[in-house]
Amino acid sequence: MDEKLQQSFLRFCKINQFEINQKQVEVINLLEEFVYSKKNLLDLFKKDKKLCFYLHGGVGVGKTMLLNFLYSKIEVKKVRMHFNEFMINFHNYRHKEKDDNSITNFVKILKQNYDLIYLDEFQVTNIVDAMILGKLFEIIFKENIKIIITTNIKLNDLYKDGLQREQFLPFISIIEKSSIQKELVLDDDYRKQNLDNVRRIYYPLNEKTSFKIKQNFRILTRDRKREPQNVETKGRKFLIANFYEGIAKFKFSDLCDEKLGSEDYINIANVCKHVFISNIPVFNDVNSNQQLRFITLIDIFYEKKIKLTISCENDLENLGSSQLHKETFNRTLSRLYEMTISLVR
């Protein structure tokens, strides 16, 4: 690079009228050193070589913004993926190949294409991933592929209280030995600082809010043709009945009561630009499964830059949560603030 990344980042902040935060600048400097440090690749026999940068912190502190900026500037063989998408690709490959060396062969394909993999929104929620991640990352690091991880969760809290968590602990040990861990802490959630905006959130659930969200949908789809879409995922068909050239309308139950997963949500997002979701309930321990699907859905819609209009049983600050997903749901709420903003012109 002809210019230090810090200088470029400061100029980026100035152009976009972002507040310059020294903690974010510090992370940028550490990331630049990590990406371009040759000793990590040349000293192959060093047991504690750092091939992973594990960046964690609360919602809205700018983790994704920093990594997106870094990704746009660095000149290495690289790929950026949501963690859910990365694991879907891995499981699809294993299902297709069905051989004892599928993990090793999958990593060899990664090595042929990438020197650096950036995994955004890293979280482990199911036992299948928990049991396989240790072996997968062990081989990734043996191939000297660098990994950057962003997450809201401290390393030792990953998959906390999950089924058979003891089988996940080798992964934590591998990451501890191989990673630079950095927590990004800021005082404010930047996503909530746009005060001069109109927000596309309607609550509580009653006739008045039902009318408003339907009216908004009619206005946006007035000159668009209705063309129901069948989205297919591994033989499963999901009908988007209310689909108007990229604008779709669902009830919460359509998306989160059914047995849908990350891959279904990715395929839905691929055909949508603006999604209306009505009747989002207050969350508690009774509907924690639906809440987890909703968390996954919003993560993917956020990644795909989908605009949202929603109606809820309560305002976002009082939408509740199950105990199991309380910490993760804070990120979802923060993203809902950002995704439902219409800037006043």
Protein backbone atom coordinates (compact mmCIF):
# COMPACT_ATOMS: atom_id res chain seq x y z
CA MET A 1 0.00 0.00 0.00
CA ASP A 2 1.26 3.47 -0.88
CA GLU A 3 -0.50 5.04 2.10
CA LYS A 4 -0.91 4.03 5.72
CA LEU A 5 -4.37 2.65 6.29
CA GLN A 6 -4.88 5.06 9.19
CA GLN A 7 -4.52 8.08 6.90
CA SER A 8 -6.99 6.63 4.45
CA PHE A 9 -9.44 5.83 7.27
CA LEU A 10 -9.25 9.37 8.66
CA ARG A 11 -10.01 10.75 5.21
CA PHE A 12 -12.88 8.26 4.86
CA CYS A 13 -14.35 9.50 8.15
CA LYS A 14 -14.05 13.12 7.09
CA ILE A 15 -15.70 12.55 3.71
CA ASN A 16 -18.59 10.65 5.31
CA GLN A 17 -18.84 13.07 8.25
CA PHE A 18 -18.17 10.29 10.75
CA GLU A 19 -16.88 11.14 14.18
CA ILE A 20 -13.21 10.16 14.44
CA ASN A 21 -12.85 7.74 17.31
CA GLN A 22 -9.36 6.86 18.50
CA LYS A 23 -10.42 3.36 19.58
CA GLN A 24 -11.53 2.62 16.02
CA VAL A 25 -8.28 4.07 14.67
CA GLU A 26 -6.34 1.78 17.02
CA VAL A 27 -8.21 -1.25 15.64
CA ILE A 28 -7.46 -0.17 12.06
CA ASN A 29 -3.75 0.00 12.87
CA LEU A 30 -3.77 -3.43 14.49
CA LEU A 31 -5.66 -4.91 11.55
CA GLU A 32 -3.23 -3.45 9.03
CA GLU A 33 -0.30 -4.93 10.94
CA PHE A 34 -2.09 -8.31 11.12
CA VAL A 35 -2.94 -8.46 7.41
CA TYR A 36 0.48 -7.41 6.13
CA SER A 37 2.70 -8.98 8.78
CA LYS A 38 4.92 -11.41 6.88
CA LYS A 39 6.19 -13.19 9.98
CA ASN A 40 2.80 -14.87 10.37
CA LEU A 41 3.24 -16.60 7.03
CA LEU A 42 6.99 -17.19 6.94
CA ASP A 43 7.55 -18.50 10.45
CA LEU A 44 5.71 -21.74 9.76
CA PHE A 45 7.15 -23.59 12.74
CA LYS A 46 6.23 -21.04 15.40
CA LYS A 47 3.60 -22.67 17.59
CA ASP A 48 1.85 -19.47 18.64
CA LYS A 49 1.77 -17.72 15.27
CA LYS A 50 -1.25 -15.45 14.98
CA LEU A 51 -3.42 -16.30 12.01
CA CYS A 52 -6.72 -15.02 13.41
CA PHE A 53 -7.88 -11.55 14.41
CA TYR A 54 -10.86 -11.90 16.76
CA LEU A 55 -12.67 -8.54 17.03
CA HIS A 56 -15.54 -8.44 19.49
CA GLY A 57 -17.68 -5.73 21.01
CA GLY A 58 -21.23 -4.58 21.63
CA VAL A 59 -23.76 -3.61 19.01
CA GLY A 60 -23.30 -0.45 17.00
CA VAL A 61 -19.64 0.19 17.86
CA GLY A 62 -18.55 0.03 14.22
CA LYS A 63 -17.01 -3.45 13.87
CA THR A 64 -18.60 -4.17 10.50
CA MET A 65 -17.94 -0.63 9.26
CA LEU A 66 -14.23 -0.94 10.13
CA LEU A 67 -13.87 -4.33 8.47
CA ASN A 68 -15.77 -3.26 5.36
CA PHE A 69 -13.39 -0.31 5.06
CA LEU A 70 -10.36 -2.54 5.59
CA TYR A 71 -11.66 -5.08 3.09
CA SER A 72 -12.05 -2.39 0.41
CA LYS A 73 -8.46 -1.26 0.84
CA ILE A 74 -6.30 -4.35 1.34
CA GLU A 75 -4.67 -5.99 -1.67
CA VAL A 76 -4.60 -9.70 -0.90
CA LYS A 77 -6.56 -12.72 -2.11
CA LYS A 78 -9.60 -12.36 0.10
CA VAL A 79 -13.25 -13.20 0.63
CA ARG A 80 -15.87 -11.68 2.90
CA MET A 81 -18.76 -13.85 4.12
CA HIS A 82 -21.39 -13.85 6.80
CA PHE A 83 -20.52 -16.74 9.11
CA ASN A 84 -23.87 -18.43 8.36
CA GLU A 85 -23.11 -18.35 4.63
CA PHE A 86 -19.61 -19.76 5.19
CA MET A 87 -20.99 -22.71 7.16
CA ILE A 88 -23.73 -23.34 4.58
CA ASN A 89 -21.04 -23.56 1.88
CA PHE A 90 -19.05 -25.96 4.05
CA HIS A 91 -21.99 -28.25 4.83
CA ASN A 92 -23.08 -28.23 1.18
CA TYR A 93 -19.59 -29.30 0.13
CA ARG A 94 -19.50 -32.13 2.68
CA HIS A 95 -22.97 -33.30 1.63
CA LYS A 96 -21.91 -33.33 -2.02
CA GLU A 97 -18.53 -35.02 -1.60
CA LYS A 98 -19.39 -37.53 1.16
CA ASP A 99 -15.83 -38.66 1.81
CA ASP A 100 -13.64 -38.92 4.90
CA ASN A 101 -11.32 -36.13 3.70
CA SER A 102 -14.04 -33.60 2.91
CA ILE A 103 -12.85 -31.12 5.56
CA THR A 104 -9.26 -31.21 4.32
CA ASN A 105 -10.36 -30.96 0.68
CA PHE A 106 -12.69 -28.05 1.46
CA VAL A 107 -9.83 -26.16 3.10
CA LYS A 108 -7.52 -26.90 0.16
CA ILE A 109 -10.06 -25.21 -2.12
CA LEU A 110 -10.08 -22.23 0.23
CA LYS A 111 -6.27 -22.12 0.14
CA GLN A 112 -6.22 -22.11 -3.66
CA ASN A 113 -8.44 -19.03 -3.73
CA TYR A 114 -7.80 -17.01 -0.58
CA ASP A 115 -5.05 -15.85 1.74
CA LEU A 116 -7.55 -14.06 3.98
CA ILE A 117 -11.12 -14.91 4.98
CA TYR A 118 -13.27 -12.33 6.78
CA LEU A 119 -16.19 -13.87 8.70
CA ASP A 120 -18.75 -11.34 9.90
CA GLU A 121 -21.26 -11.92 12.74
CA PHE A 122 -19.61 -15.03 14.10
CA GLN A 123 -21.88 -16.97 16.44
CA VAL A 124 -22.47 -20.65 17.11
CA THR A 125 -26.05 -21.73 17.73
CA ASN A 126 -26.26 -25.40 16.78
CA ILE A 127 -24.46 -28.53 17.87
CA VAL A 128 -23.52 -29.60 14.33
CA ASP A 129 -21.37 -26.50 13.83
CA ALA A 130 -20.07 -26.65 17.40
CA MET A 131 -18.72 -30.17 16.94
CA ILE A 132 -16.99 -29.54 13.62
CA LEU A 133 -15.45 -26.05 14.03
CA GLY A 134 -12.39 -27.17 15.99
CA LYS A 135 -11.24 -29.59 13.28
CA LEU A 136 -12.15 -27.17 10.48
CA PHE A 137 -10.16 -24.26 11.91
CA GLU A 138 -7.25 -26.48 12.88
CA ILE A 139 -6.81 -27.39 9.22
CA ILE A 140 -7.41 -23.80 8.07
CA PHE A 141 -4.55 -22.60 10.29
CA LYS A 142 -2.29 -25.45 9.16
CA GLU A 143 -2.75 -24.09 5.63
CA ASN A 144 -1.72 -20.62 6.91
CA ILE A 145 -4.96 -19.00 5.86
CA LYS A 146 -5.61 -15.85 7.84
CA ILE A 147 -9.02 -15.37 9.41
CA ILE A 148 -10.68 -12.17 10.62
CA ILE A 149 -13.72 -12.64 12.84
CA THR A 150 -16.20 -10.01 14.03
CA THR A 151 -18.70 -10.87 16.72
CA ASN A 152 -20.61 -9.46 19.69
CA ILE A 153 -19.51 -12.36 21.86
CA LYS A 154 -16.35 -12.81 23.88
CA LEU A 155 -14.43 -15.90 22.85
CA ASN A 156 -15.00 -17.82 26.06
CA ASP A 157 -18.75 -17.09 25.92
CA LEU A 158 -19.27 -18.62 22.47
CA TYR A 159 -21.90 -21.37 22.46
CA LYS A 160 -22.42 -20.74 26.17
CA ASP A 161 -24.90 -23.21 27.69
CA GLY A 162 -25.08 -25.04 24.34
CA LEU A 163 -25.68 -28.77 24.07
CA GLN A 164 -22.53 -30.85 24.60
CA ARG A 165 -20.46 -27.67 24.87
CA GLU A 166 -17.43 -29.70 25.96
CA GLN A 167 -17.09 -30.79 22.33
CA PHE A 168 -16.80 -27.12 21.34
CA LEU A 169 -14.02 -26.28 23.79
CA PRO A 170 -11.19 -27.47 21.46
CA PHE A 171 -12.25 -24.75 19.02
CA ILE A 172 -11.97 -22.09 21.73
CA SER A 173 -8.53 -23.41 22.64
CA ILE A 174 -7.38 -23.28 19.00
CA ILE A 175 -8.59 -19.70 18.57
CA GLU A 176 -6.99 -18.61 21.86
CA LYS A 177 -3.59 -19.92 20.74
CA SER A 178 -3.84 -18.60 17.20
CA SER A 179 -5.57 -15.23 17.51
CA ILE A 180 -5.15 -11.61 18.40
CA GLN A 181 -8.21 -10.79 20.50
CA LYS A 182 -9.40 -7.19 20.55
CA GLU A 183 -12.50 -5.72 22.14
CA LEU A 184 -13.94 -2.54 20.63
CA VAL A 185 -15.76 -0.50 23.27
CA LEU A 186 -17.55 2.76 22.53
CA ASP A 187 -20.02 4.72 24.61
CA ASP A 188 -22.74 5.06 21.99
CA ASP A 189 -24.54 2.95 19.43
CA TYR A 190 -23.93 4.93 16.24
CA ARG A 191 -26.94 3.36 14.54
CA LYS A 192 -29.30 5.23 16.87
CA GLN A 193 -27.79 8.68 16.35
CA ASN A 194 -29.81 9.61 13.22
CA LEU A 195 -32.46 11.64 14.97
CA ASP A 196 -33.90 13.58 12.03
CA ASN A 197 -35.49 10.60 10.38
CA VAL A 198 -38.81 8.98 9.74
CA ARG A 199 -38.83 5.44 11.06
CA ARG A 200 -40.72 2.59 9.40
CA ILE A 201 -41.79 0.92 12.66
CA TYR A 202 -45.45 0.65 13.67
CA TYR A 203 -46.66 -0.38 17.13
CA PRO A 204 -48.62 -1.60 19.04
CA LEU A 205 -50.56 -4.16 17.02
CA ASN A 206 -53.99 -2.69 16.47
CA GLU A 207 -56.28 -1.56 13.64
CA LYS A 208 -54.54 1.80 13.32
CA THR A 209 -51.03 0.40 12.85
CA SER A 210 -52.37 -2.39 10.62
CA PHE A 211 -53.90 0.24 8.36
CA LYS A 212 -50.69 2.31 8.28
CA ILE A 213 -48.38 -0.55 7.31
CA LYS A 214 -50.83 -1.73 4.62
CA GLN A 215 -51.12 1.83 3.31
CA ASN A 216 -47.33 2.16 3.14
CA PHE A 217 -47.13 -1.11 1.23
CA ARG A 218 -49.80 0.00 -1.25
CA ILE A 219 -48.01 3.30 -1.87
CA LEU A 220 -44.67 1.61 -2.57
CA THR A 221 -46.16 -1.06 -4.85
CA ARG A 222 -48.67 1.16 -6.68
CA ASP A 223 -46.90 1.03 -10.05
CA ARG A 224 -45.40 -2.44 -9.64
CA LYS A 225 -46.69 -5.74 -10.95
CA ARG A 226 -47.59 -8.52 -8.54
CA GLU A 227 -45.61 -11.67 -9.40
CA PRO A 228 -45.65 -14.34 -6.65
CA GLN A 229 -42.26 -15.99 -6.28
CA ASN A 230 -41.41 -19.59 -5.43
CA VAL A 231 -38.05 -19.66 -3.64
CA GLU A 232 -36.52 -23.13 -3.62
CA THR A 233 -33.91 -24.34 -1.14
CA LYS A 234 -32.73 -27.95 -1.36
CA GLY A 235 -36.11 -29.08 -2.64
CA ARG A 236 -38.11 -26.98 -0.16
CA LYS A 237 -40.40 -24.46 -1.83
CA PHE A 238 -41.32 -21.21 -0.10
CA LEU A 239 -44.01 -19.07 -1.69
CA ILE A 240 -43.75 -15.29 -1.53
CA ALA A 241 -47.37 -14.51 -2.37
CA ASN A 242 -47.16 -10.74 -1.91
CA PHE A 243 -44.22 -9.92 -4.17
CA TYR A 244 -44.11 -6.77 -6.31
CA GLU A 245 -40.84 -6.42 -8.26
CA GLY A 246 -38.55 -6.72 -5.24
CA ILE A 247 -40.97 -5.53 -2.57
CA ALA A 248 -42.42 -8.33 -0.43
CA LYS A 249 -44.81 -8.55 2.51
CA PHE A 250 -44.90 -11.26 5.18
CA LYS A 251 -46.36 -11.96 8.56
CA PHE A 252 -43.80 -12.77 11.23
CA SER A 253 -45.28 -16.27 11.47
CA ASP A 254 -44.63 -16.86 7.74
CA LEU A 255 -40.90 -16.42 8.27
CA CYS A 256 -40.24 -17.55 11.82
CA ASP A 257 -42.88 -20.11 12.82
CA GLU A 258 -41.94 -22.39 9.93
CA LYS A 259 -38.79 -24.55 9.95
CA LEU A 260 -36.69 -22.19 7.87
CA GLY A 261 -32.96 -21.61 8.23
CA SER A 262 -30.10 -19.44 7.04
CA GLU A 263 -30.08 -20.78 3.50
CA ASP A 264 -33.82 -20.16 3.07
CA TYR A 265 -33.43 -16.60 4.32
CA ILE A 266 -30.47 -15.96 2.00
CA ASN A 267 -32.50 -17.13 -1.00
CA ILE A 268 -35.45 -14.94 0.04
CA ALA A 269 -33.14 -11.95 0.44
CA ASN A 270 -31.65 -12.54 -3.01
CA VAL A 271 -34.97 -11.66 -4.67
CA CYS A 272 -36.01 -8.82 -2.33
CA LYS A 273 -35.08 -5.17 -1.93
CA HIS A 274 -37.66 -4.04 0.63
CA VAL A 275 -39.47 -6.37 3.03
CA PHE A 276 -42.55 -5.69 5.15
CA ILE A 277 -42.89 -7.87 8.27
CA SER A 278 -46.05 -7.53 10.34
CA ASN A 279 -47.12 -8.85 13.74
CA ILE A 280 -43.70 -9.20 15.38
CA PRO A 281 -44.44 -10.41 18.93
CA VAL A 282 -42.85 -9.71 22.28
CA PHE A 283 -40.21 -12.39 22.84
CA ASN A 284 -39.82 -14.64 25.87
CA ASP A 285 -38.66 -18.15 26.77
CA VAL A 286 -41.79 -19.67 25.22
CA ASN A 287 -41.06 -18.43 21.68
CA SER A 288 -37.24 -18.56 21.85
CA ASN A 289 -37.03 -20.78 18.73
CA GLN A 290 -38.94 -18.20 16.70
CA GLN A 291 -36.73 -15.48 18.17
CA LEU A 292 -33.58 -17.30 17.04
CA ARG A 293 -34.96 -17.58 13.51
CA PHE A 294 -35.79 -13.86 13.61
CA ILE A 295 -32.23 -13.04 14.74
CA THR A 296 -30.83 -15.08 11.82
CA LEU A 297 -33.29 -13.49 9.40
CA ILE A 298 -32.36 -9.93 10.39
CA ASP A 299 -28.62 -10.71 10.26
CA ILE A 300 -28.98 -11.92 6.68
CA PHE A 301 -31.29 -9.10 5.60
CA TYR A 302 -28.83 -6.62 7.10
CA GLU A 303 -25.95 -8.23 5.24
CA LYS A 304 -27.94 -8.06 1.99
CA LYS A 305 -28.89 -4.41 2.65
CA ILE A 306 -32.63 -5.10 2.68
CA LYS A 307 -34.87 -2.20 3.71
CA LEU A 308 -37.48 -3.05 6.33
CA THR A 309 -40.92 -1.86 7.35
CA ILE A 310 -42.25 -3.63 10.43
CA SER A 311 -45.15 -3.72 12.86
CA CYS A 312 -44.57 -4.94 16.41
CA GLU A 313 -46.48 -5.74 19.54
CA ASN A 314 -44.31 -3.19 21.33
CA ASP A 315 -41.62 -0.61 20.60
CA LEU A 316 -38.12 -2.00 20.08
CA GLU A 317 -36.92 -1.10 23.57
CA ASN A 318 -39.71 -3.22 25.04
CA LEU A 319 -39.78 -6.14 22.64
CA GLY A 320 -38.46 -8.51 25.30
CA SER A 321 -36.24 -11.55 24.82
CA SER A 322 -35.74 -15.12 25.92
CA GLN A 323 -32.94 -15.56 28.44
CA LEU A 324 -31.00 -17.72 25.99
CA HIS A 325 -30.83 -15.09 23.23
CA LYS A 326 -30.87 -11.88 25.26
CA GLU A 327 -27.30 -10.78 24.52
CA THR A 328 -27.44 -11.66 20.82
CA PHE A 329 -30.81 -9.95 20.42
CA ASN A 330 -29.30 -6.58 21.34
CA ARG A 331 -27.54 -6.66 17.96
CA THR A 332 -30.82 -7.45 16.22
CA LEU A 333 -32.56 -4.48 17.87
CA SER A 334 -29.73 -2.16 16.89
CA ARG A 335 -29.90 -3.35 13.29
CA LEU A 336 -33.67 -2.90 13.21
CA TYR A 337 -33.14 0.75 14.12
CA GLU A 338 -30.80 1.16 11.16
CA MET A 339 -32.80 -0.87 8.65
CA THR A 340 -36.09 0.96 9.25
CA ILE A 341 -34.81 4.50 8.76
CA SER A 342 -36.07 6.77 5.98
CA LEU A 343 -33.89 9.85 5.75
CA VAL A 344 -35.77 13.13 5.64
CA ARG A 345 -34.89 15.03 2.47
